[in-house]
């Protein structure tokens, strides 16, 4: 099983239930989980620019639980004094999310991600907090899946408006709208949201309680604040050498590819597209 942890903005006085935000009647802007990308530094930046709810990257739960090294690698903290203050009012993560949306072939081969939309049963439903899915070709089957998640206690469902096989095809916002109409818990729409205006449009079209963006935030960290591009102020932050070097190596590997199939495989393996 793979899972994501939900992280809200820093608690100042008392722990708040993140689900309460969806009952405000206002658009809730969500940073979707992205492997290797939505770590602490990234989440800290997007929260500075009006992102309401952030997810940590998707992780392999079993590998995360067993070795300490994996936890040290995946989780980092703020300055110690801030960390201690947070622990005093919120010692645990706000929740755990079961990812049924990752379409990458390796994840599906291992029984993770999008293949889980075909497996409605869970071993211990007490630990199910929220669910993120892709849709089935058969929409009633998708609605049934979401209703079952609600019945066993999921407080919200995030819907990626494509099937596991669809990549660049248009998002089925009409399917998300139908799912929302048949649910009592908050529903979050996800798919091809690259600006605040698009987020507001999707919110209105689907009638959902919030929208989640991934690649749109990678391209523009300040998207949720309505900025058309990443603020120039970000350049003052600089780039750590390890990150800088990794970008250069990825470019070198990409430039060495010599066929269309190799390029397409690269996009699937690295970006899930």
C-alpha atoms as a PDB file:
ATOM      1  CA  UNK A   1       0.000   0.000   0.000  1.00  0.00           C
ATOM      2  CA  UNK A   2       1.183   3.509  -0.753  1.00  0.00           C
ATOM      3  CA  UNK A   3       0.120   6.513   1.214  1.00  0.00           C
ATOM      4  CA  UNK A   4       0.507  10.245   1.510  1.00  0.00           C
ATOM      5  CA  UNK A   5       0.449  12.367   4.638  1.00  0.00           C
ATOM      6  CA  UNK A   6      -1.609  15.534   4.755  1.00  0.00           C
ATOM      7  CA  UNK A   7       0.063  18.689   6.055  1.00  0.00           C
ATOM      8  CA  UNK A   8      -1.730  21.945   6.795  1.00  0.00           C
ATOM      9  CA  UNK A   9      -0.270  25.313   7.668  1.00  0.00           C
ATOM     10  CA  UNK A  10       1.624  25.628  10.956  1.00  0.00           C
ATOM     11  CA  UNK A  11      -0.577  25.517  14.043  1.00  0.00           C
ATOM     12  CA  UNK A  12      -0.386  28.686  16.104  1.00  0.00           C
ATOM     13  CA  UNK A  13      -2.615  27.948  19.099  1.00  0.00           C
ATOM     14  CA  UNK A  14      -4.440  24.654  18.681  1.00  0.00           C
ATOM     15  CA  UNK A  15      -4.740  21.786  16.256  1.00  0.00           C
ATOM     16  CA  UNK A  16      -7.347  22.361  13.558  1.00  0.00           C
ATOM     17  CA  UNK A  17      -9.202  19.747  11.541  1.00  0.00           C
ATOM     18  CA  UNK A  18      -8.199  20.255   7.875  1.00  0.00           C
ATOM     19  CA  UNK A  19     -11.597  18.952   6.749  1.00  0.00           C
ATOM     20  CA  UNK A  20     -13.244  21.996   8.356  1.00  0.00           C
ATOM     21  CA  UNK A  21     -11.864  24.130   5.529  1.00  0.00           C
ATOM     22  CA  UNK A  22     -14.103  22.353   3.020  1.00  0.00           C
ATOM     23  CA  UNK A  23     -17.234  23.442   4.873  1.00  0.00           C
ATOM     24  CA  UNK A  24     -16.475  27.157   4.520  1.00  0.00           C
ATOM     25  CA  UNK A  25     -18.109  27.495   1.104  1.00  0.00           C
ATOM     26  CA  UNK A  26     -14.884  28.998  -0.237  1.00  0.00           C
ATOM     27  CA  UNK A  27     -12.509  27.497  -2.798  1.00  0.00           C
ATOM     28  CA  UNK A  28      -9.930  25.318  -1.026  1.00  0.00           C
ATOM     29  CA  UNK A  29      -6.654  25.236  -2.975  1.00  0.00           C
ATOM     30  CA  UNK A  30      -4.682  22.011  -2.549  1.00  0.00           C
ATOM     31  CA  UNK A  31      -1.110  21.054  -3.433  1.00  0.00           C
ATOM     32  CA  UNK A  32      -1.357  17.457  -4.652  1.00  0.00           C
ATOM     33  CA  UNK A  33       1.361  14.960  -3.656  1.00  0.00           C
ATOM     34  CA  UNK A  34       4.282  14.663  -6.075  1.00  0.00           C
ATOM     35  CA  UNK A  35       7.034  12.089  -5.683  1.00  0.00           C
ATOM     36  CA  UNK A  36      10.432  13.781  -5.176  1.00  0.00           C
ATOM     37  CA  UNK A  37       8.909  17.266  -5.421  1.00  0.00           C
ATOM     38  CA  UNK A  38       6.357  18.100  -2.710  1.00  0.00           C
ATOM     39  CA  UNK A  39       8.777  17.927   0.196  1.00  0.00           C
ATOM     40  CA  UNK A  40       9.132  20.418   3.039  1.00  0.00           C
ATOM     41  CA  UNK A  41      10.852  23.234   1.135  1.00  0.00           C
ATOM     42  CA  UNK A  42       8.320  23.076  -1.700  1.00  0.00           C
ATOM     43  CA  UNK A  43       5.338  22.940   0.652  1.00  0.00           C
ATOM     44  CA  UNK A  44       6.691  25.863   2.666  1.00  0.00           C
ATOM     45  CA  UNK A  45       6.928  27.989  -0.477  1.00  0.00           C
ATOM     46  CA  UNK A  46       3.482  27.218  -1.889  1.00  0.00           C
ATOM     47  CA  UNK A  47       1.894  27.906   1.509  1.00  0.00           C
ATOM     48  CA  UNK A  48       3.398  31.399   1.403  1.00  0.00           C
ATOM     49  CA  UNK A  49       1.300  31.982  -1.712  1.00  0.00           C
ATOM     50  CA  UNK A  50      -2.241  31.077  -0.637  1.00  0.00           C
ATOM     51  CA  UNK A  51      -2.141  27.275  -0.886  1.00  0.00           C
ATOM     52  CA  UNK A  52      -4.523  26.013   1.815  1.00  0.00           C
ATOM     53  CA  UNK A  53      -3.657  22.318   2.119  1.00  0.00           C
ATOM     54  CA  UNK A  54      -0.469  20.414   1.238  1.00  0.00           C
ATOM     55  CA  UNK A  55       0.351  16.733   0.862  1.00  0.00           C
ATOM     56  CA  UNK A  56       3.740  15.174   1.453  1.00  0.00           C
ATOM     57  CA  UNK A  57       5.043  12.987  -1.415  1.00  0.00           C
ATOM     58  CA  UNK A  58       3.616   9.537  -1.980  1.00  0.00           C
ATOM     59  CA  UNK A  59       5.700   6.936  -0.154  1.00  0.00           C
ATOM     60  CA  UNK A  60       5.919   3.142   0.032  1.00  0.00           C
ATOM     61  CA  UNK A  61       4.359   2.601   3.456  1.00  0.00           C
ATOM     62  CA  UNK A  62       6.180  -0.673   4.247  1.00  0.00           C
ATOM     63  CA  UNK A  63       9.595   0.718   3.312  1.00  0.00           C
ATOM     64  CA  UNK A  64       8.903   3.859   5.315  1.00  0.00           C
ATOM     65  CA  UNK A  65       7.913   2.002   8.485  1.00  0.00           C
ATOM     66  CA  UNK A  66      10.844  -0.438   8.630  1.00  0.00           C
ATOM     67  CA  UNK A  67      14.155   1.448   8.174  1.00  0.00           C
ATOM     68  CA  UNK A  68      14.960   4.645  10.064  1.00  0.00           C
ATOM     69  CA  UNK A  69      17.088   5.758   7.098  1.00  0.00           C
ATOM     70  CA  UNK A  70      13.990   5.968   4.893  1.00  0.00           C
ATOM     71  CA  UNK A  71      12.201   8.205   7.390  1.00  0.00           C
ATOM     72  CA  UNK A  72      15.233  10.439   7.796  1.00  0.00           C
ATOM     73  CA  UNK A  73      15.422  10.780   4.014  1.00  0.00           C
ATOM     74  CA  UNK A  74      11.737  11.495   3.452  1.00  0.00           C
ATOM     75  CA  UNK A  75      11.020  13.770   6.411  1.00  0.00           C
ATOM     76  CA  UNK A  76      12.906  16.903   7.412  1.00  0.00           C
ATOM     77  CA  UNK A  77      11.989  19.567   9.928  1.00  0.00           C
ATOM     78  CA  UNK A  78      12.009  23.305  10.351  1.00  0.00           C
ATOM     79  CA  UNK A  79      14.205  24.977  12.960  1.00  0.00           C
ATOM     80  CA  UNK A  80      14.089  23.088  16.248  1.00  0.00           C
ATOM     81  CA  UNK A  81      12.223  25.774  18.199  1.00  0.00           C
ATOM     82  CA  UNK A  82       9.448  25.883  15.561  1.00  0.00           C
ATOM     83  CA  UNK A  83       9.327  22.097  15.452  1.00  0.00           C
ATOM     84  CA  UNK A  84       8.878  21.898  19.238  1.00  0.00           C
ATOM     85  CA  UNK A  85       6.082  24.469  19.156  1.00  0.00           C
ATOM     86  CA  UNK A  86       4.255  22.503  16.475  1.00  0.00           C
ATOM     87  CA  UNK A  87       4.617  19.238  18.392  1.00  0.00           C
ATOM     88  CA  UNK A  88       3.042  20.805  21.470  1.00  0.00           C
ATOM     89  CA  UNK A  89      -0.266  21.366  19.658  1.00  0.00           C
ATOM     90  CA  UNK A  90      -0.080  18.861  16.785  1.00  0.00           C
ATOM     91  CA  UNK A  91       2.234  15.913  17.537  1.00  0.00           C
ATOM     92  CA  UNK A  92       1.009  13.770  14.629  1.00  0.00           C
ATOM     93  CA  UNK A  93       0.261  14.209  10.935  1.00  0.00           C
ATOM     94  CA  UNK A  94      -3.219  15.503  10.149  1.00  0.00           C
ATOM     95  CA  UNK A  95      -4.040  12.314   8.283  1.00  0.00           C
ATOM     96  CA  UNK A  96      -3.075   9.575   5.871  1.00  0.00           C
ATOM     97  CA  UNK A  97      -4.263   9.357   2.278  1.00  0.00           C
ATOM     98  CA  UNK A  98      -4.527   6.122   0.277  1.00  0.00           C
ATOM     99  CA  UNK A  99      -3.276   6.890  -3.234  1.00  0.00           C
ATOM    100  CA  UNK A 100      -5.350   5.222  -5.931  1.00  0.00           C
ATOM    101  CA  UNK A 101      -4.342   7.720  -8.581  1.00  0.00           C
ATOM    102  CA  UNK A 102      -0.676   7.176  -9.543  1.00  0.00           C
ATOM    103  CA  UNK A 103      -0.681   5.870 -13.161  1.00  0.00           C
ATOM    104  CA  UNK A 104       3.013   5.024 -13.480  1.00  0.00           C
ATOM    105  CA  UNK A 105       3.633   1.514 -14.763  1.00  0.00           C
ATOM    106  CA  UNK A 106       6.066   0.473 -12.038  1.00  0.00           C
ATOM    107  CA  UNK A 107       3.596   1.488  -9.319  1.00  0.00           C
ATOM    108  CA  UNK A 108       0.727  -0.400 -10.909  1.00  0.00           C
ATOM    109  CA  UNK A 109       2.948  -3.455 -11.427  1.00  0.00           C
ATOM    110  CA  UNK A 110       3.710  -3.485  -7.690  1.00  0.00           C
ATOM    111  CA  UNK A 111       0.051  -3.166  -6.749  1.00  0.00           C
ATOM    112  CA  UNK A 112       0.186   0.533  -5.862  1.00  0.00           C
ATOM    113  CA  UNK A 113      -1.521   3.643  -7.180  1.00  0.00           C
ATOM    114  CA  UNK A 114      -4.200   3.536  -9.872  1.00  0.00           C
ATOM    115  CA  UNK A 115      -4.591  -0.262  -9.815  1.00  0.00           C
ATOM    116  CA  UNK A 116      -6.145   0.097  -6.345  1.00  0.00           C
ATOM    117  CA  UNK A 117      -9.342   1.506  -7.871  1.00  0.00           C
ATOM    118  CA  UNK A 118     -10.097  -2.142  -8.671  1.00  0.00           C
ATOM    119  CA  UNK A 119      -9.618  -3.184  -5.027  1.00  0.00           C
ATOM    120  CA  UNK A 120     -12.320  -1.791  -2.794  1.00  0.00           C
ATOM    121  CA  UNK A 121     -11.392  -3.801   0.291  1.00  0.00           C
ATOM    122  CA  UNK A 122      -8.858  -2.617   2.850  1.00  0.00           C
ATOM    123  CA  UNK A 123      -7.195  -4.703   5.540  1.00  0.00           C
ATOM    124  CA  UNK A 124      -7.903  -2.273   8.369  1.00  0.00           C
ATOM    125  CA  UNK A 125     -10.420   0.480   7.568  1.00  0.00           C
ATOM    126  CA  UNK A 126      -9.739   2.222  10.897  1.00  0.00           C
ATOM    127  CA  UNK A 127      -6.609   3.726   9.356  1.00  0.00           C
ATOM    128  CA  UNK A 128      -8.267   4.983   6.185  1.00  0.00           C
ATOM    129  CA  UNK A 129      -8.484   8.762   6.376  1.00  0.00           C
ATOM    130  CA  UNK A 130      -8.937   9.968   2.805  1.00  0.00           C
ATOM    131  CA  UNK A 131      -8.686   8.577  -0.714  1.00  0.00           C
ATOM    132  CA  UNK A 132      -7.362   9.861  -4.023  1.00  0.00           C
ATOM    133  CA  UNK A 133      -8.556   8.079  -7.167  1.00  0.00           C
ATOM    134  CA  UNK A 134      -8.714   8.071 -10.933  1.00  0.00           C
ATOM    135  CA  UNK A 135     -11.998   7.290 -12.646  1.00  0.00           C
ATOM    136  CA  UNK A 136     -13.153   4.039 -14.241  1.00  0.00           C
ATOM    137  CA  UNK A 137     -14.414   3.886 -17.827  1.00  0.00           C
ATOM    138  CA  UNK A 138     -17.665   2.874 -16.162  1.00  0.00           C
ATOM    139  CA  UNK A 139     -18.716   5.994 -14.236  1.00  0.00           C
ATOM    140  CA  UNK A 140     -21.301   4.255 -11.988  1.00  0.00           C
ATOM    141  CA  UNK A 141     -18.484   1.993 -10.832  1.00  0.00           C
ATOM    142  CA  UNK A 142     -16.460   5.059  -9.868  1.00  0.00           C
ATOM    143  CA  UNK A 143     -19.392   6.549  -7.968  1.00  0.00           C
ATOM    144  CA  UNK A 144     -19.825   3.239  -6.147  1.00  0.00           C
ATOM    145  CA  UNK A 145     -16.130   3.229  -5.191  1.00  0.00           C
ATOM    146  CA  UNK A 146     -16.372   6.748  -3.755  1.00  0.00           C
ATOM    147  CA  UNK A 147     -19.540   5.928  -1.841  1.00  0.00           C
ATOM    148  CA  UNK A 148     -17.868   2.873  -0.320  1.00  0.00           C
ATOM    149  CA  UNK A 149     -14.948   5.056   0.767  1.00  0.00           C
ATOM    150  CA  UNK A 150     -17.415   7.425   2.417  1.00  0.00           C
ATOM    151  CA  UNK A 151     -19.252   4.536   4.090  1.00  0.00           C
ATOM    152  CA  UNK A 152     -16.111   3.294   5.848  1.00  0.00           C
ATOM    153  CA  UNK A 153     -15.230   6.736   7.156  1.00  0.00           C
ATOM    154  CA  UNK A 154     -13.194   8.622   4.550  1.00  0.00           C
ATOM    155  CA  UNK A 155     -13.673  12.346   5.284  1.00  0.00           C
ATOM    156  CA  UNK A 156     -12.907  13.437   1.705  1.00  0.00           C
ATOM    157  CA  UNK A 157     -12.134  12.082  -1.765  1.00  0.00           C
ATOM    158  CA  UNK A 158      -9.842  13.588  -4.400  1.00  0.00           C
ATOM    159  CA  UNK A 159     -10.783  12.686  -7.984  1.00  0.00           C
ATOM    160  CA  UNK A 160      -8.321  12.815 -10.860  1.00  0.00           C
ATOM    161  CA  UNK A 161     -10.638  13.164 -13.853  1.00  0.00           C
ATOM    162  CA  UNK A 162      -8.888  10.656 -16.098  1.00  0.00           C
ATOM    163  CA  UNK A 163      -8.677   6.868 -16.275  1.00  0.00           C
ATOM    164  CA  UNK A 164      -5.412   5.090 -15.481  1.00  0.00           C
ATOM    165  CA  UNK A 165      -4.700   4.732 -19.211  1.00  0.00           C
ATOM    166  CA  UNK A 166      -5.385   8.351 -20.155  1.00  0.00           C
ATOM    167  CA  UNK A 167      -2.475  10.803 -20.258  1.00  0.00           C
ATOM    168  CA  UNK A 168      -2.988  13.960 -22.298  1.00  0.00           C
ATOM    169  CA  UNK A 169      -6.665  13.581 -23.049  1.00  0.00           C
ATOM    170  CA  UNK A 170      -9.105  16.199 -21.746  1.00  0.00           C
ATOM    171  CA  UNK A 171     -10.105  15.866 -18.103  1.00  0.00           C
ATOM    172  CA  UNK A 172     -13.610  14.499 -17.538  1.00  0.00           C
ATOM    173  CA  UNK A 173     -14.901  17.310 -15.356  1.00  0.00           C
ATOM    174  CA  UNK A 174     -18.450  16.111 -16.018  1.00  0.00           C
ATOM    175  CA  UNK A 175     -17.570  12.829 -14.304  1.00  0.00           C
ATOM    176  CA  UNK A 176     -16.224  14.685 -11.265  1.00  0.00           C
ATOM    177  CA  UNK A 177     -19.442  16.719 -11.135  1.00  0.00           C
ATOM    178  CA  UNK A 178     -21.563  13.539 -11.101  1.00  0.00           C
ATOM    179  CA  UNK A 179     -19.397  12.036  -8.361  1.00  0.00           C
ATOM    180  CA  UNK A 180     -19.821  15.183  -6.261  1.00  0.00           C
ATOM    181  CA  UNK A 181     -23.602  15.086  -6.719  1.00  0.00           C
ATOM    182  CA  UNK A 182     -23.658  11.579  -5.250  1.00  0.00           C
ATOM    183  CA  UNK A 183     -21.436  12.256  -2.232  1.00  0.00           C
ATOM    184  CA  UNK A 184     -22.037  13.784   1.187  1.00  0.00           C
ATOM    185  CA  UNK A 185     -18.359  14.282   2.076  1.00  0.00           C
ATOM    186  CA  UNK A 186     -16.075  16.892   0.473  1.00  0.00           C
ATOM    187  CA  UNK A 187     -14.812  16.097  -3.033  1.00  0.00           C
ATOM    188  CA  UNK A 188     -11.632  17.642  -4.471  1.00  0.00           C
ATOM    189  CA  UNK A 189     -11.236  17.993  -8.259  1.00  0.00           C
ATOM    190  CA  UNK A 190      -7.840  17.349  -9.846  1.00  0.00           C
ATOM    191  CA  UNK A 191      -6.529  17.558 -13.393  1.00  0.00           C
ATOM    192  CA  UNK A 192      -4.981  20.176 -15.714  1.00  0.00           C
ATOM    193  CA  UNK A 193      -5.213  23.114 -13.307  1.00  0.00           C
ATOM    194  CA  UNK A 194      -2.448  25.580 -14.164  1.00  0.00           C
ATOM    195  CA  UNK A 195      -3.706  28.936 -12.886  1.00  0.00           C
ATOM    196  CA  UNK A 196      -5.969  30.406 -10.226  1.00  0.00           C
ATOM    197  CA  UNK A 197      -8.522  31.270 -12.908  1.00  0.00           C
ATOM    198  CA  UNK A 198      -8.594  27.657 -14.098  1.00  0.00           C
ATOM    199  CA  UNK A 199      -8.943  26.499 -10.488  1.00  0.00           C
ATOM    200  CA  UNK A 200     -11.935  28.779  -9.974  1.00  0.00           C
ATOM    201  CA  UNK A 201     -13.503  27.626 -13.264  1.00  0.00           C
ATOM    202  CA  UNK A 202     -13.116  23.937 -12.374  1.00  0.00           C
ATOM    203  CA  UNK A 203     -14.533  24.628  -8.921  1.00  0.00           C
ATOM    204  CA  UNK A 204     -17.610  26.253 -10.472  1.00  0.00           C
ATOM    205  CA  UNK A 205     -18.060  23.620 -13.210  1.00  0.00           C
ATOM    206  CA  UNK A 206     -17.792  20.590 -10.942  1.00  0.00           C
ATOM    207  CA  UNK A 207     -19.404  21.997  -7.807  1.00  0.00           C
ATOM    208  CA  UNK A 208     -16.638  20.416  -5.733  1.00  0.00           C
ATOM    209  CA  UNK A 209     -15.349  21.657  -2.400  1.00  0.00           C
ATOM    210  CA  UNK A 210     -11.778  22.260  -3.539  1.00  0.00           C
ATOM    211  CA  UNK A 211      -9.281  21.767  -6.345  1.00  0.00           C
ATOM    212  CA  UNK A 212      -5.837  20.158  -6.316  1.00  0.00           C
ATOM    213  CA  UNK A 213      -2.932  21.066  -8.586  1.00  0.00           C
ATOM    214  CA  UNK A 214       0.409  19.357  -9.153  1.00  0.00           C
ATOM    215  CA  UNK A 215       2.258  20.256 -12.353  1.00  0.00           C
ATOM    216  CA  UNK A 216       0.646  23.681 -12.335  1.00  0.00           C
ATOM    217  CA  UNK A 217       2.352  24.421  -9.005  1.00  0.00           C
ATOM    218  CA  UNK A 218       5.652  22.999 -10.253  1.00  0.00           C
ATOM    219  CA  UNK A 219       5.566  25.528 -13.084  1.00  0.00           C
ATOM    220  CA  UNK A 220       4.424  28.380 -10.841  1.00  0.00           C
ATOM    221  CA  UNK A 221       4.706  28.080  -7.059  1.00  0.00           C
ATOM    222  CA  UNK A 222       2.617  31.233  -6.615  1.00  0.00           C
ATOM    223  CA  UNK A 223      -0.265  29.991  -8.773  1.00  0.00           C
ATOM    224  CA  UNK A 224      -2.753  29.865  -5.884  1.00  0.00           C
ATOM    225  CA  UNK A 225      -2.138  33.545  -5.161  1.00  0.00           C
ATOM    226  CA  UNK A 226      -3.091  34.479  -8.725  1.00  0.00           C
ATOM    227  CA  UNK A 227       0.436  35.248  -9.945  1.00  0.00           C
ATOM    228  CA  UNK A 228       0.905  34.616 -13.663  1.00  0.00           C
ATOM    229  CA  UNK A 229       4.448  33.377 -13.132  1.00  0.00           C
ATOM    230  CA  UNK A 230       6.864  32.489 -10.375  1.00  0.00           C
ATOM    231  CA  UNK A 231       7.829  35.746  -8.591  1.00  0.00           C
ATOM    232  CA  UNK A 232      11.330  36.995  -9.353  1.00  0.00           C
ATOM    233  CA  UNK A 233      11.917  37.164  -5.605  1.00  0.00           C
ATOM    234  CA  UNK A 234      12.334  33.375  -5.663  1.00  0.00           C
ATOM    235  CA  UNK A 235      15.678  33.786  -7.420  1.00  0.00           C
ATOM    236  CA  UNK A 236      17.066  35.264  -4.213  1.00  0.00           C
ATOM    237  CA  UNK A 237      16.620  31.872  -2.537  1.00  0.00           C
ATOM    238  CA  UNK A 238      19.195  30.158  -4.742  1.00  0.00           C
ATOM    239  CA  UNK A 239      19.461  26.447  -5.551  1.00  0.00           C
ATOM    240  CA  UNK A 240      21.423  23.899  -3.469  1.00  0.00           C
ATOM    241  CA  UNK A 241      24.288  22.329  -5.392  1.00  0.00           C
ATOM    242  CA  UNK A 242      22.876  18.786  -5.187  1.00  0.00           C
ATOM    243  CA  UNK A 243      19.590  19.936  -6.724  1.00  0.00           C
ATOM    244  CA  UNK A 244      21.394  22.029  -9.339  1.00  0.00           C
ATOM    245  CA  UNK A 245      23.612  19.082 -10.291  1.00  0.00           C
ATOM    246  CA  UNK A 246      20.641  16.712 -10.506  1.00  0.00           C
ATOM    247  CA  UNK A 247      18.875  18.984 -12.988  1.00  0.00           C
ATOM    248  CA  UNK A 248      21.978  19.018 -15.183  1.00  0.00           C
ATOM    249  CA  UNK A 249      22.305  15.218 -15.084  1.00  0.00           C
ATOM    250  CA  UNK A 250      18.654  14.741 -16.023  1.00  0.00           C
ATOM    251  CA  UNK A 251      19.136  17.037 -18.994  1.00  0.00           C
ATOM    252  CA  UNK A 252      22.193  15.064 -20.089  1.00  0.00           C
ATOM    253  CA  UNK A 253      20.303  11.759 -19.854  1.00  0.00           C
ATOM    254  CA  UNK A 254      17.355  13.193 -21.777  1.00  0.00           C
ATOM    255  CA  UNK A 255      19.582  14.570 -24.530  1.00  0.00           C
ATOM    256  CA  UNK A 256      21.139  11.115 -24.988  1.00  0.00           C
ATOM    257  CA  UNK A 257      17.793   9.519 -25.891  1.00  0.00           C
ATOM    258  CA  UNK A 258      17.650   8.533 -29.551  1.00  0.00           C
ATOM    259  CA  UNK A 259      14.077   7.415 -30.266  1.00  0.00           C
ATOM    260  CA  UNK A 260      10.505   8.546 -29.784  1.00  0.00           C
ATOM    261  CA  UNK A 261       9.706   5.507 -27.648  1.00  0.00           C
ATOM    262  CA  UNK A 262      12.669   6.263 -25.368  1.00  0.00           C
ATOM    263  CA  UNK A 263      11.494   9.862 -24.913  1.00  0.00           C
ATOM    264  CA  UNK A 264       7.934   8.739 -24.153  1.00  0.00           C
ATOM    265  CA  UNK A 265       9.208   6.185 -21.626  1.00  0.00           C
ATOM    266  CA  UNK A 266      11.305   8.936 -20.006  1.00  0.00           C
ATOM    267  CA  UNK A 267       8.239  11.159 -19.602  1.00  0.00           C
ATOM    268  CA  UNK A 268       6.230   8.287 -18.105  1.00  0.00           C
ATOM    269  CA  UNK A 269       8.973   7.193 -15.698  1.00  0.00           C
ATOM    270  CA  UNK A 270       9.899  10.690 -14.510  1.00  0.00           C
ATOM    271  CA  UNK A 271       6.702  12.694 -14.784  1.00  0.00           C
ATOM    272  CA  UNK A 272       3.875  10.165 -15.053  1.00  0.00           C
ATOM    273  CA  UNK A 273       2.679  11.623 -18.381  1.00  0.00           C
END
